[in-house]
Amino acid sequence: MAAISSLHRWSYHQRSRLPRISSISEADQPRPTNQFVTFSVPISRRDANVILLGSLPLTSFFVLPPSSSDARERRSRKVIPLEEYSTSPEGLKYYDIEEGKGPVATKGSTAQVHFDCRYRSITAISTRESKLLAGNRSIAQPYEFKVGSTPGKERKREFVDNPNGLFSAQAAPKPPPAMYYITEGMKVGGKRTVIVTPEAGYGQRGMNEIPPGATFELNIELLQKMETSLRYSTNSRSLKIHAKEKLSVNSDIRLQLHGELDTGVGAPSYLCAMLRHFFHEGSASVGVGLHYNKREKLRCLVRGKKKFPVRTDELVTFNIKGRCDFDQDFVQRNPRGAAEFDWNIWKFQKDQDLRLRVGYEMFEKVPYIQIRENNWTLNTNLKGIWNVRFDL
């Protein structure tokens, strides 16, 4: 009995601390006096909890802790006039909420994004709320894919390579086909909202809360990604782990950091820091920086590259590139220069993209070829020097 009375005293004190929503009519009404309820019969703990919840005022359920800025940003829906949307070559309407300041996502490049599919203010699919395998918890898991590639093939590879990962194939978020090409042109750090039609979305099958044949809203955020790869060459005769990070200074200048670990000796074999300036309209770039390796020690480098499109879609280009190193006495070392043709073949076969590069190295006077198939890259020349790379 005393326990129930103390519960009601606690609920009354909590009620007095909560903000009150009043109206003009309430001012003229008499306020109730403090009353305590006692019971002459014993009640269970479950009934006591029900009585306690029923005694709380309705306004107490609307006093919620402030949500984080990320949560508010994901769930807030900004009304944008349709005439302010741009139209993609495929006919989709999109609007850049934030332009971003990082590198531009180009066709064939690897992109890492967070995306949300919203239908009538309901978040039906989201990488920020991915369900864990055999559990009810959710985590934020970015989605990684190649811009312009065949939708869904990276999902198949991921589950084959890692069948016991965090996600099951059913629980992992499935993006709409529109995301694979509408991401092209975005900059790292940018946010884009897209009006996805059924043809570019989930078609007549639907997905989760998105009904069949429905148009919905797709929100994309392009994230920064560190590039890692395994490399082996005839020069070193050992496996190396390479990592590259691209940090944006502004929309035209990027700081690139490279590092390489030689597994044969268990120590770093190459370090580099370089600033690159991109001239997007001219399809050119210039870079300066410092690099260190165990043979040549510390050196300065200057490099440049210029692309000339052969086709209007830029799948075939003619490139001119050069590089020159300088030692600590500013003496020129290892100049290099090449002219090459670059041909990108998307969907060469099912689930296969191919890139061919054929060129001529001017200083060493030797032809070379590069073949890239999805994650694998092979470089070789007529002198018998080759190296192979696998992108992780």
Protein backbone atom coordinates (compact mmCIF):
# COMPACT_ATOMS: atom_id res chain seq x y z
CA MET A 1 0.00 0.00 0.00
CA ALA A 2 2.73 2.41 0.88
CA ALA A 3 4.56 1.52 -2.34
CA ILE A 4 1.56 2.46 -4.48
CA SER A 5 1.14 5.74 -2.63
CA SER A 6 4.81 6.60 -3.16
CA LEU A 7 4.43 5.82 -6.89
CA HIS A 8 1.61 8.33 -7.15
CA ARG A 9 3.56 10.93 -5.20
CA TRP A 10 6.48 10.44 -7.65
CA SER A 11 4.18 10.81 -10.68
CA TYR A 12 2.71 14.00 -9.30
CA HIS A 13 6.12 15.56 -8.64
CA GLN A 14 7.24 14.61 -12.16
CA ARG A 15 4.06 16.15 -13.53
CA SER A 16 4.81 19.44 -11.81
CA ARG A 17 8.24 19.58 -13.48
CA LEU A 18 6.94 19.04 -17.05
CA PRO A 19 6.04 21.98 -19.33
CA ARG A 20 2.31 22.62 -19.48
CA ILE A 21 0.34 23.35 -22.66
CA SER A 22 -2.36 25.80 -21.64
CA SER A 23 -5.18 27.57 -23.42
CA ILE A 24 -7.38 30.58 -22.69
CA SER A 25 -10.24 28.39 -21.53
CA GLU A 26 -8.02 26.67 -18.97
CA ALA A 27 -7.30 29.92 -17.19
CA ASP A 28 -10.92 30.23 -16.03
CA GLN A 29 -11.19 26.64 -14.86
CA PRO A 30 -10.38 25.75 -11.25
CA ARG A 31 -7.21 23.75 -10.77
CA PRO A 32 -7.62 20.34 -9.10
CA THR A 33 -6.25 19.94 -5.62
CA ASN A 34 -3.55 17.48 -4.74
CA GLN A 35 -5.07 14.06 -4.17
CA PHE A 36 -3.45 10.73 -3.39
CA VAL A 37 -5.08 7.42 -4.22
CA THR A 38 -4.83 4.42 -1.94
CA PHE A 39 -6.09 0.91 -2.44
CA SER A 40 -7.60 -1.37 0.12
CA VAL A 41 -6.80 -4.52 -1.84
CA PRO A 42 -3.35 -5.74 -2.91
CA ILE A 43 -2.43 -5.38 -6.59
CA SER A 44 0.28 -6.92 -8.70
CA ARG A 45 3.43 -5.17 -9.93
CA ARG A 46 2.12 -5.30 -13.51
CA ASP A 47 -1.10 -3.51 -12.51
CA ALA A 48 0.95 -0.94 -10.62
CA ASN A 49 2.94 -0.15 -13.77
CA VAL A 50 -0.25 0.27 -15.77
CA ILE A 51 -1.66 2.64 -13.14
CA LEU A 52 1.60 4.60 -13.08
CA LEU A 53 1.66 5.05 -16.87
CA GLY A 54 -2.00 6.02 -16.87
CA SER A 55 -1.38 8.67 -14.23
CA LEU A 56 1.27 10.44 -16.35
CA PRO A 57 -0.02 13.41 -18.40
CA LEU A 58 -0.24 13.00 -22.16
CA THR A 59 2.29 15.78 -22.73
CA SER A 60 5.02 13.72 -21.08
CA PHE A 61 5.11 11.40 -24.10
CA PHE A 62 5.98 14.33 -26.37
CA VAL A 63 8.98 15.53 -24.36
CA LEU A 64 11.70 13.76 -26.34
CA PRO A 65 15.47 14.24 -26.22
CA PRO A 66 16.83 16.23 -29.14
CA SER A 67 17.92 14.05 -32.04
CA SER A 68 21.38 14.29 -33.57
CA SER A 69 22.01 16.49 -36.57
CA ASP A 70 22.58 13.43 -38.78
CA ALA A 71 19.22 11.95 -37.83
CA ARG A 72 17.43 15.22 -38.45
CA GLU A 73 19.15 15.59 -41.79
CA ARG A 74 18.15 12.09 -42.89
CA ARG A 75 14.53 12.43 -41.91
CA SER A 76 13.83 16.05 -42.80
CA ARG A 77 12.30 16.50 -46.20
CA LYS A 78 13.13 19.80 -47.87
CA VAL A 79 10.50 21.00 -50.33
CA ILE A 80 12.22 21.88 -53.61
CA PRO A 81 10.26 23.28 -56.58
CA LEU A 82 10.31 20.88 -59.50
CA GLU A 83 11.50 23.59 -61.89
CA GLU A 84 14.77 23.83 -59.90
CA TYR A 85 15.63 20.19 -60.61
CA SER A 86 18.12 19.29 -63.33
CA THR A 87 17.53 16.52 -65.87
CA SER A 88 20.04 13.73 -66.46
CA PRO A 89 20.75 12.29 -69.95
CA GLU A 90 18.56 9.34 -68.92
CA GLY A 91 15.64 11.67 -68.16
CA LEU A 92 15.73 11.56 -64.35
CA LYS A 93 15.10 14.70 -62.28
CA TYR A 94 17.79 15.44 -59.68
CA TYR A 95 18.79 18.28 -57.37
CA ASP A 96 22.18 18.80 -55.66
CA ILE A 97 21.50 19.77 -52.05
CA GLU A 98 25.26 20.08 -51.43
CA GLU A 99 27.74 20.23 -54.28
CA GLY A 100 30.72 18.79 -52.41
CA LYS A 101 34.36 19.78 -52.74
CA GLY A 102 36.08 16.48 -53.46
CA PRO A 103 36.97 14.49 -56.58
CA VAL A 104 34.31 13.98 -59.23
CA ALA A 105 32.74 10.53 -59.61
CA THR A 106 33.43 9.48 -63.19
CA LYS A 107 32.22 6.47 -65.13
CA GLY A 108 34.19 3.42 -64.09
CA SER A 109 35.41 4.90 -60.80
CA THR A 110 34.66 3.22 -57.49
CA ALA A 111 32.15 5.14 -55.38
CA GLN A 112 31.16 4.72 -51.75
CA VAL A 113 27.80 6.19 -50.77
CA HIS A 114 25.06 6.32 -48.20
CA PHE A 115 21.62 6.21 -49.81
CA ASP A 116 18.02 6.40 -48.63
CA CYS A 117 14.90 5.48 -50.61
CA ARG A 118 11.85 7.39 -49.36
CA TYR A 119 8.25 6.82 -50.34
CA ARG A 120 5.62 9.23 -48.97
CA SER A 121 7.94 10.37 -46.14
CA ILE A 122 8.69 6.74 -45.20
CA THR A 123 12.32 5.55 -45.37
CA ALA A 124 11.85 2.18 -47.06
CA ILE A 125 15.53 1.34 -47.76
CA SER A 126 18.62 2.87 -46.19
CA THR A 127 22.30 2.03 -45.77
CA ARG A 128 22.15 3.90 -42.45
CA GLU A 129 19.72 1.31 -41.07
CA SER A 130 21.06 -1.97 -42.46
CA LYS A 131 19.81 -5.04 -40.62
CA LEU A 132 22.40 -7.33 -39.14
CA LEU A 133 22.40 -11.01 -39.94
CA ALA A 134 20.29 -13.08 -37.50
CA GLY A 135 19.42 -10.11 -35.32
CA ASN A 136 17.21 -7.09 -34.92
CA ARG A 137 19.98 -4.50 -34.58
CA SER A 138 20.95 -2.14 -37.39
CA ILE A 139 24.15 -0.29 -38.30
CA ALA A 140 25.25 2.26 -40.89
CA GLN A 141 27.04 0.40 -43.68
CA PRO A 142 28.13 2.42 -46.77
CA TYR A 143 27.46 0.91 -50.18
CA GLU A 144 30.32 0.54 -52.66
CA PHE A 145 29.98 0.11 -56.43
CA LYS A 146 31.42 1.15 -59.79
CA VAL A 147 29.77 4.13 -61.44
CA GLY A 148 28.09 3.06 -64.68
CA SER A 149 28.48 -0.68 -64.02
CA THR A 150 25.81 -3.38 -64.17
CA PRO A 151 23.47 -3.03 -61.15
CA GLY A 152 23.87 -5.68 -58.49
CA LYS A 153 26.96 -7.55 -59.67
CA GLU A 154 29.11 -6.27 -56.78
CA ARG A 155 26.51 -7.64 -54.35
CA LYS A 156 26.91 -11.14 -55.81
CA ARG A 157 30.70 -10.94 -55.54
CA GLU A 158 30.55 -9.67 -51.97
CA PHE A 159 28.35 -12.52 -50.75
CA VAL A 160 30.40 -15.15 -52.60
CA ASP A 161 33.69 -13.84 -51.19
CA ASN A 162 32.31 -13.32 -47.68
CA PRO A 163 29.33 -15.64 -47.14
CA ASN A 164 29.49 -15.29 -43.36
CA GLY A 165 29.61 -11.50 -43.24
CA LEU A 166 27.43 -9.14 -41.26
CA PHE A 167 24.56 -9.20 -43.73
CA SER A 168 22.47 -11.79 -45.42
CA ALA A 169 21.58 -11.31 -49.08
CA GLN A 170 18.00 -10.56 -48.07
CA ALA A 171 18.90 -8.05 -45.33
CA ALA A 172 21.53 -6.05 -47.25
CA PRO A 173 20.16 -2.84 -48.77
CA LYS A 174 19.49 -3.10 -52.48
CA PRO A 175 19.89 0.18 -54.38
CA PRO A 176 17.74 1.04 -57.41
CA PRO A 177 19.40 0.78 -60.84
CA ALA A 178 19.22 4.60 -61.17
CA MET A 179 21.94 5.03 -58.54
CA TYR A 180 24.57 3.37 -60.74
CA TYR A 181 24.49 6.17 -63.32
CA ILE A 182 22.93 9.18 -61.56
CA THR A 183 25.98 9.32 -59.24
CA GLU A 184 28.20 10.28 -62.19
CA GLY A 185 29.27 13.91 -61.91
CA MET A 186 28.85 14.14 -58.14
CA LYS A 187 31.75 15.35 -55.99
CA VAL A 188 32.93 13.69 -52.78
CA GLY A 189 31.02 15.23 -49.90
CA GLY A 190 28.08 16.08 -52.14
CA LYS A 191 24.44 15.21 -51.50
CA ARG A 192 21.91 14.66 -54.28
CA THR A 193 18.18 13.93 -54.26
CA VAL A 194 16.65 12.13 -57.25
CA ILE A 195 13.07 11.49 -58.35
CA VAL A 196 13.19 7.84 -59.41
CA THR A 197 10.58 6.53 -61.83
CA PRO A 198 9.47 2.87 -61.77
CA GLU A 199 11.58 2.11 -64.86
CA ALA A 200 14.73 3.30 -63.07
CA GLY A 201 13.61 2.01 -59.68
CA TYR A 202 12.11 -1.25 -58.50
CA GLY A 203 9.69 -1.70 -61.41
CA GLN A 204 6.54 -3.73 -61.03
CA ARG A 205 7.87 -5.79 -58.13
CA GLY A 206 8.39 -3.01 -55.60
CA MET A 207 10.65 -3.21 -52.55
CA ASN A 208 9.75 -3.11 -48.85
CA GLU A 209 7.30 -0.21 -48.35
CA ILE A 210 7.70 0.93 -51.97
CA PRO A 211 4.71 -0.55 -53.86
CA PRO A 212 4.93 -1.92 -57.41
CA GLY A 213 5.11 0.73 -60.13
CA ALA A 214 5.79 3.56 -57.66
CA THR A 215 7.86 6.72 -58.08
CA PHE A 216 9.99 7.53 -55.03
CA GLU A 217 12.76 9.80 -53.77
CA LEU A 218 16.40 8.70 -53.68
CA ASN A 219 18.88 10.60 -51.49
CA ILE A 220 22.59 9.98 -52.12
CA GLU A 221 25.66 11.12 -50.16
CA LEU A 222 29.03 10.50 -51.84
CA LEU A 223 31.67 9.51 -49.27
CA GLN A 224 35.45 9.57 -49.19
CA LYS A 225 37.11 6.19 -49.82
CA MET A 226 40.66 4.97 -49.29
CA GLU A 227 41.94 2.88 -52.21
CA THR A 228 43.84 -0.26 -51.27
CA SER A 229 45.41 -2.91 -53.50
CA LEU A 230 47.80 -5.86 -53.59
CA ARG A 231 50.72 -5.59 -56.06
CA TYR A 232 53.40 -7.91 -57.38
CA SER A 233 56.09 -7.10 -59.95
CA THR A 234 59.14 -8.68 -61.57
CA ASN A 235 61.36 -5.94 -60.13
CA SER A 236 60.66 -6.55 -56.45
CA ARG A 237 59.69 -10.24 -56.48
CA SER A 238 57.58 -9.68 -53.37
CA LEU A 239 53.96 -8.92 -52.57
CA LYS A 240 53.21 -5.32 -51.63
CA ILE A 241 50.20 -3.71 -49.99
CA HIS A 242 49.43 -0.29 -51.43
CA ALA A 243 47.09 2.36 -50.00
CA LYS A 244 46.08 5.73 -51.45
CA GLU A 245 44.02 8.46 -49.79
CA LYS A 246 42.63 11.47 -51.67
CA LEU A 247 41.91 14.55 -49.58
CA SER A 248 40.13 17.49 -51.18
CA VAL A 249 41.51 20.99 -50.71
CA ASN A 250 38.83 22.46 -52.98
CA SER A 251 36.94 21.42 -56.10
CA ASP A 252 40.11 21.68 -58.27
CA ILE A 253 42.97 20.76 -55.92
CA ARG A 254 43.48 17.41 -54.22
CA LEU A 255 46.11 16.13 -51.77
CA GLN A 256 47.07 12.53 -52.52
CA LEU A 257 48.84 10.37 -49.95
CA HIS A 258 50.39 7.06 -51.04
CA GLY A 259 51.94 4.32 -48.96
CA GLU A 260 53.32 0.87 -49.76
CA LEU A 261 54.27 -1.96 -47.44
CA ASP A 262 56.70 -4.64 -48.64
CA THR A 263 55.59 -7.94 -47.12
CA GLY A 264 58.98 -9.51 -47.93
CA VAL A 265 60.84 -7.29 -45.44
CA GLY A 266 57.88 -6.17 -43.33
CA ALA A 267 58.63 -2.46 -43.76
CA PRO A 268 57.35 0.48 -45.84
CA SER A 269 58.98 0.62 -49.27
CA TYR A 270 57.33 3.76 -50.70
CA LEU A 271 55.75 6.95 -49.31
CA CYS A 272 54.45 9.89 -51.30
CA ALA A 273 52.55 13.15 -50.73
CA MET A 274 51.44 15.12 -53.79
CA LEU A 275 49.21 18.07 -54.60
CA ARG A 276 47.30 17.76 -57.87
CA HIS A 277 45.47 20.53 -59.67
CA PHE A 278 42.70 19.43 -62.05
CA PHE A 279 41.58 21.48 -65.02
CA HIS A 280 38.22 19.80 -65.58
CA GLU A 281 37.21 21.72 -68.68
CA GLY A 282 40.52 20.92 -70.35
CA SER A 283 40.70 17.29 -69.13
CA ALA A 284 44.18 17.95 -67.75
CA SER A 285 46.02 17.79 -64.43
CA VAL A 286 49.36 18.88 -62.95
CA GLY A 287 50.93 17.57 -59.75
CA VAL A 288 53.92 18.32 -57.52
CA GLY A 289 55.07 16.47 -54.43
CA LEU A 290 57.66 14.51 -52.49
CA HIS A 291 58.22 10.76 -52.47
CA TYR A 292 60.52 8.38 -50.63
CA ASN A 293 61.59 4.82 -51.36
CA LYS A 294 64.29 2.59 -49.97
CA ARG A 295 66.48 2.86 -53.09
CA GLU A 296 66.27 6.48 -54.21
CA LYS A 297 65.54 8.03 -50.80
CA LEU A 298 63.80 11.43 -50.76
CA ARG A 299 62.99 13.08 -54.08
CA CYS A 300 60.75 15.74 -55.53
CA LEU A 301 58.42 14.91 -58.42
CA VAL A 302 56.49 16.82 -61.06
CA ARG A 303 53.87 15.15 -63.26
CA GLY A 304 51.22 16.13 -65.79
CA LYS A 305 48.53 14.54 -67.93
CA LYS A 306 46.26 15.65 -70.75
CA LYS A 307 43.33 13.73 -72.29
CA PHE A 308 41.95 14.18 -75.80
CA PRO A 309 38.55 12.51 -76.30
CA VAL A 310 38.37 10.39 -79.45
CA ARG A 311 34.64 9.72 -79.00
CA THR A 312 31.98 12.04 -77.61
CA ASP A 313 31.22 9.65 -74.71
CA GLU A 314 34.96 9.71 -73.78
CA LEU A 315 35.13 5.91 -73.67
CA VAL A 316 38.09 6.20 -76.04
CA THR A 317 40.74 8.85 -75.33
CA PHE A 318 44.24 9.72 -76.48
CA ASN A 319 46.46 10.63 -73.53
CA ILE A 320 49.79 12.40 -73.19
CA LYS A 321 51.51 12.19 -69.82
CA GLY A 322 54.92 12.87 -68.33
CA ARG A 323 56.81 12.77 -65.05
CA CYS A 324 60.18 13.95 -63.80
CA ASP A 325 61.98 13.43 -60.47
CA PHE A 326 64.53 15.72 -58.82
CA ASP A 327 67.00 14.69 -56.14
CA GLN A 328 68.02 16.75 -53.11
CA ASP A 329 70.41 18.79 -55.30
CA PHE A 330 67.59 19.45 -57.81
CA VAL A 331 69.28 17.29 -60.42
CA GLN A 332 66.81 15.76 -62.86
CA ARG A 333 66.30 12.01 -62.42
CA ASN A 334 64.27 9.36 -64.24
CA PRO A 335 62.31 11.46 -66.76
CA ARG A 336 59.34 9.64 -68.26
CA GLY A 337 56.88 10.46 -70.99
CA ALA A 338 54.29 8.49 -72.90
CA ALA A 339 51.54 8.71 -75.48
CA GLU A 340 48.73 6.17 -75.25
CA PHE A 341 45.22 5.19 -76.33
CA ASP A 342 42.72 4.34 -73.59
CA TRP A 343 39.62 2.28 -74.42
CA ASN A 344 36.93 1.49 -71.81
CA ILE A 345 34.55 -1.35 -72.68
CA TRP A 346 31.61 -1.52 -70.28
CA LYS A 347 29.71 -4.81 -70.05
CA PHE A 348 32.27 -6.57 -72.25
CA GLN A 349 30.66 -9.76 -71.05
CA LYS A 350 28.12 -10.42 -68.33
CA ASP A 351 29.36 -8.91 -65.04
CA GLN A 352 32.64 -7.90 -66.72
CA ASP A 353 34.07 -4.47 -67.53
CA LEU A 354 37.28 -4.15 -69.51
CA ARG A 355 39.83 -1.39 -70.12
CA LEU A 356 42.62 -1.59 -72.69
CA ARG A 357 45.52 0.85 -72.73
CA VAL A 358 48.21 0.73 -75.43
CA GLY A 359 51.06 3.22 -75.42
CA TYR A 360 54.66 4.03 -76.15
CA GLU A 361 57.21 5.16 -73.53
CA MET A 362 59.32 7.86 -75.20
CA PHE A 363 62.42 7.90 -73.00
CA GLU A 364 62.83 4.13 -72.70
CA LYS A 365 61.57 3.70 -76.28
CA VAL A 366 59.43 0.68 -75.54
CA PRO A 367 55.74 -0.09 -76.25
CA TYR A 368 53.54 -1.19 -73.36
CA ILE A 369 50.03 -2.45 -72.73
CA GLN A 370 47.65 -2.42 -69.78
CA ILE A 371 44.65 -4.75 -69.40
CA ARG A 372 42.16 -4.09 -66.61
CA GLU A 373 39.27 -6.47 -65.87
CA ASN A 374 37.06 -5.44 -62.94
CA ASN A 375 39.48 -5.55 -59.96
CA TRP A 376 42.51 -6.99 -61.80
CA THR A 377 45.14 -4.94 -63.66
CA LEU A 378 48.08 -6.28 -65.69
CA ASN A 379 50.89 -4.00 -66.97
CA THR A 380 53.61 -5.27 -69.28
CA ASN A 381 56.03 -4.07 -71.98
CA LEU A 382 58.15 -5.61 -74.73
CA LYS A 383 61.19 -5.81 -72.43
CA GLY A 384 59.47 -8.50 -70.39
CA ILE A 385 58.84 -6.32 -67.33
CA TRP A 386 55.38 -6.78 -65.84
CA ASN A 387 53.37 -6.21 -62.71
CA VAL A 388 49.91 -7.22 -61.56
CA ARG A 389 47.50 -5.43 -59.19
CA PHE A 390 44.32 -6.48 -57.40
CA ASP A 391 42.08 -3.72 -56.02
CA LEU A 392 40.59 -4.61 -52.64
